[in-house]
Amino acid sequence: MNESESPNTAKSWMPDGNGGCQPTPDLLTREEAIRYLRLDKIRCRFPQNTLHRYRKKFGLKTVQIGRQVLYSREELKRFVEQQMVNNPR
């Protein structure tokens, strides 16, 4: 690791919701997870409900810190990879 890198440096980017991009944090809020999975861009009528269903039906893991439920970036990547194997198109 060089001097400009830190352990918290994001290695991926996600939509910021305003037409741009931002570094992906290690822990994402519900709204950030929705953008990361692009549920807000596809024909998903209620992205919050879809994300909740992924948690219940597909075992998408979360962590609660205080009152906030957060999604691990690595868990979201694992979930997408699992969906690609189980539901290839």
C-alpha atoms as a PDB file:
ATOM      1  CA  MET A   1       0.000   0.000   0.000  1.00  0.00           C
ATOM      2  CA  ASN A   2       1.481   3.364  -0.962  1.00  0.00           C
ATOM      3  CA  GLU A   3       1.205   6.622   1.000  1.00  0.00           C
ATOM      4  CA  SER A   4      -1.899   7.840  -0.869  1.00  0.00           C
ATOM      5  CA  GLU A   5      -3.876   4.692  -0.080  1.00  0.00           C
ATOM      6  CA  SER A   6      -5.622   4.058   3.195  1.00  0.00           C
ATOM      7  CA  PRO A   7      -7.325   0.946   4.557  1.00  0.00           C
ATOM      8  CA  ASN A   8     -10.709   2.660   4.004  1.00  0.00           C
ATOM      9  CA  THR A   9     -10.107   3.532   0.342  1.00  0.00           C
ATOM     10  CA  ALA A  10     -13.045   2.296  -1.729  1.00  0.00           C
ATOM     11  CA  LYS A  11     -12.061   0.158  -4.697  1.00  0.00           C
ATOM     12  CA  SER A  12     -15.344   0.487  -6.537  1.00  0.00           C
ATOM     13  CA  TRP A  13     -17.751   3.240  -7.541  1.00  0.00           C
ATOM     14  CA  MET A  14     -21.530   3.514  -7.425  1.00  0.00           C
ATOM     15  CA  PRO A  15     -24.141   5.962  -8.733  1.00  0.00           C
ATOM     16  CA  ASP A  16     -24.623   8.930  -6.410  1.00  0.00           C
ATOM     17  CA  GLY A  17     -28.291   9.398  -7.301  1.00  0.00           C
ATOM     18  CA  ASN A  18     -27.579  12.702  -9.065  1.00  0.00           C
ATOM     19  CA  GLY A  19     -26.150  11.419 -12.330  1.00  0.00           C
ATOM     20  CA  GLY A  20     -22.584  11.136 -11.041  1.00  0.00           C
ATOM     21  CA  CYS A  21     -20.549   8.547  -9.173  1.00  0.00           C
ATOM     22  CA  GLN A  22     -19.065   8.256  -5.718  1.00  0.00           C
ATOM     23  CA  PRO A  23     -16.686   5.797  -4.067  1.00  0.00           C
ATOM     24  CA  THR A  24     -18.544   2.842  -2.584  1.00  0.00           C
ATOM     25  CA  PRO A  25     -18.212   2.741   1.219  1.00  0.00           C
ATOM     26  CA  ASP A  26     -17.633  -0.562   3.018  1.00  0.00           C
ATOM     27  CA  LEU A  27     -21.034  -0.266   4.755  1.00  0.00           C
ATOM     28  CA  LEU A  28     -23.996   1.099   2.834  1.00  0.00           C
ATOM     29  CA  THR A  29     -27.322   2.527   3.988  1.00  0.00           C
ATOM     30  CA  ARG A  30     -30.564   1.177   2.544  1.00  0.00           C
ATOM     31  CA  GLU A  31     -30.669   3.963  -0.057  1.00  0.00           C
ATOM     32  CA  GLU A  32     -27.044   3.369  -1.037  1.00  0.00           C
ATOM     33  CA  ALA A  33     -27.661  -0.399  -1.321  1.00  0.00           C
ATOM     34  CA  ILE A  34     -30.634   0.313  -3.587  1.00  0.00           C
ATOM     35  CA  ARG A  35     -28.398   2.457  -5.827  1.00  0.00           C
ATOM     36  CA  TYR A  36     -25.560  -0.102  -5.683  1.00  0.00           C
ATOM     37  CA  LEU A  37     -27.939  -2.830  -6.932  1.00  0.00           C
ATOM     38  CA  ARG A  38     -29.475  -0.278  -9.341  1.00  0.00           C
ATOM     39  CA  LEU A  39     -32.967  -1.079  -8.086  1.00  0.00           C
ATOM     40  CA  ASP A  40     -33.800   2.600  -8.555  1.00  0.00           C
ATOM     41  CA  LYS A  41     -32.915   2.423 -12.289  1.00  0.00           C
ATOM     42  CA  ILE A  42     -34.625  -0.791 -13.318  1.00  0.00           C
ATOM     43  CA  ARG A  43     -38.362  -1.304 -13.479  1.00  0.00           C
ATOM     44  CA  CYS A  44     -38.631  -1.907  -9.773  1.00  0.00           C
ATOM     45  CA  ARG A  45     -41.747  -0.206  -8.451  1.00  0.00           C
ATOM     46  CA  PHE A  46     -40.852  -0.350  -4.753  1.00  0.00           C
ATOM     47  CA  PRO A  47     -37.067  -0.750  -4.396  1.00  0.00           C
ATOM     48  CA  GLN A  48     -37.227  -0.703  -0.568  1.00  0.00           C
ATOM     49  CA  ASN A  49     -39.596  -3.670  -0.591  1.00  0.00           C
ATOM     50  CA  THR A  50     -37.432  -5.507  -3.119  1.00  0.00           C
ATOM     51  CA  LEU A  51     -34.344  -5.035  -0.960  1.00  0.00           C
ATOM     52  CA  HIS A  52     -36.293  -6.263   2.079  1.00  0.00           C
ATOM     53  CA  ARG A  53     -37.414  -9.343   0.100  1.00  0.00           C
ATOM     54  CA  TYR A  54     -33.800 -10.065  -0.842  1.00  0.00           C
ATOM     55  CA  ARG A  55     -32.959 -10.030   2.871  1.00  0.00           C
ATOM     56  CA  LYS A  56     -35.788 -12.405   3.798  1.00  0.00           C
ATOM     57  CA  LYS A  57     -35.952 -14.729   0.792  1.00  0.00           C
ATOM     58  CA  PHE A  58     -32.321 -14.867  -0.333  1.00  0.00           C
ATOM     59  CA  GLY A  59     -30.546 -14.342   2.986  1.00  0.00           C
ATOM     60  CA  LEU A  60     -28.927 -11.015   2.138  1.00  0.00           C
ATOM     61  CA  LYS A  61     -27.107 -10.262   5.377  1.00  0.00           C
ATOM     62  CA  THR A  62     -27.071  -6.914   7.141  1.00  0.00           C
ATOM     63  CA  VAL A  63     -25.593  -5.431  10.283  1.00  0.00           C
ATOM     64  CA  GLN A  64     -27.406  -3.102  12.648  1.00  0.00           C
ATOM     65  CA  ILE A  65     -25.366  -0.304  14.165  1.00  0.00           C
ATOM     66  CA  GLY A  66     -27.466   1.784  16.496  1.00  0.00           C
ATOM     67  CA  ARG A  67     -30.812   2.143  14.788  1.00  0.00           C
ATOM     68  CA  GLN A  68     -29.350   1.949  11.291  1.00  0.00           C
ATOM     69  CA  VAL A  69     -29.431  -1.261   9.235  1.00  0.00           C
ATOM     70  CA  LEU A  70     -26.373  -1.353   6.976  1.00  0.00           C
ATOM     71  CA  TYR A  71     -25.346  -3.529   4.052  1.00  0.00           C
ATOM     72  CA  SER A  72     -21.773  -4.701   3.583  1.00  0.00           C
ATOM     73  CA  ARG A  73     -20.376  -3.957   0.134  1.00  0.00           C
ATOM     74  CA  GLU A  74     -18.797  -7.423   0.095  1.00  0.00           C
ATOM     75  CA  GLU A  75     -22.143  -9.034   1.002  1.00  0.00           C
ATOM     76  CA  LEU A  76     -23.865  -7.173  -1.838  1.00  0.00           C
ATOM     77  CA  LYS A  77     -21.170  -8.343  -4.266  1.00  0.00           C
ATOM     78  CA  ARG A  78     -21.599 -11.924  -3.003  1.00  0.00           C
ATOM     79  CA  PHE A  79     -25.366 -11.634  -3.447  1.00  0.00           C
ATOM     80  CA  VAL A  80     -25.015 -10.437  -7.060  1.00  0.00           C
ATOM     81  CA  GLU A  81     -22.555 -13.232  -7.854  1.00  0.00           C
ATOM     82  CA  GLN A  82     -24.929 -15.793  -6.301  1.00  0.00           C
ATOM     83  CA  GLN A  83     -27.803 -14.436  -8.412  1.00  0.00           C
ATOM     84  CA  MET A  84     -25.660 -14.704 -11.552  1.00  0.00           C
ATOM     85  CA  VAL A  85     -25.046 -18.386 -10.819  1.00  0.00           C
ATOM     86  CA  ASN A  86     -28.636 -19.193  -9.791  1.00  0.00           C
ATOM     87  CA  ASN A  87     -30.378 -17.075 -12.430  1.00  0.00           C
ATOM     88  CA  PRO A  88     -28.110 -16.667 -15.479  1.00  0.00           C
ATOM     89  CA  ARG A  89     -29.491 -14.709 -18.419  1.00  0.00           C
END
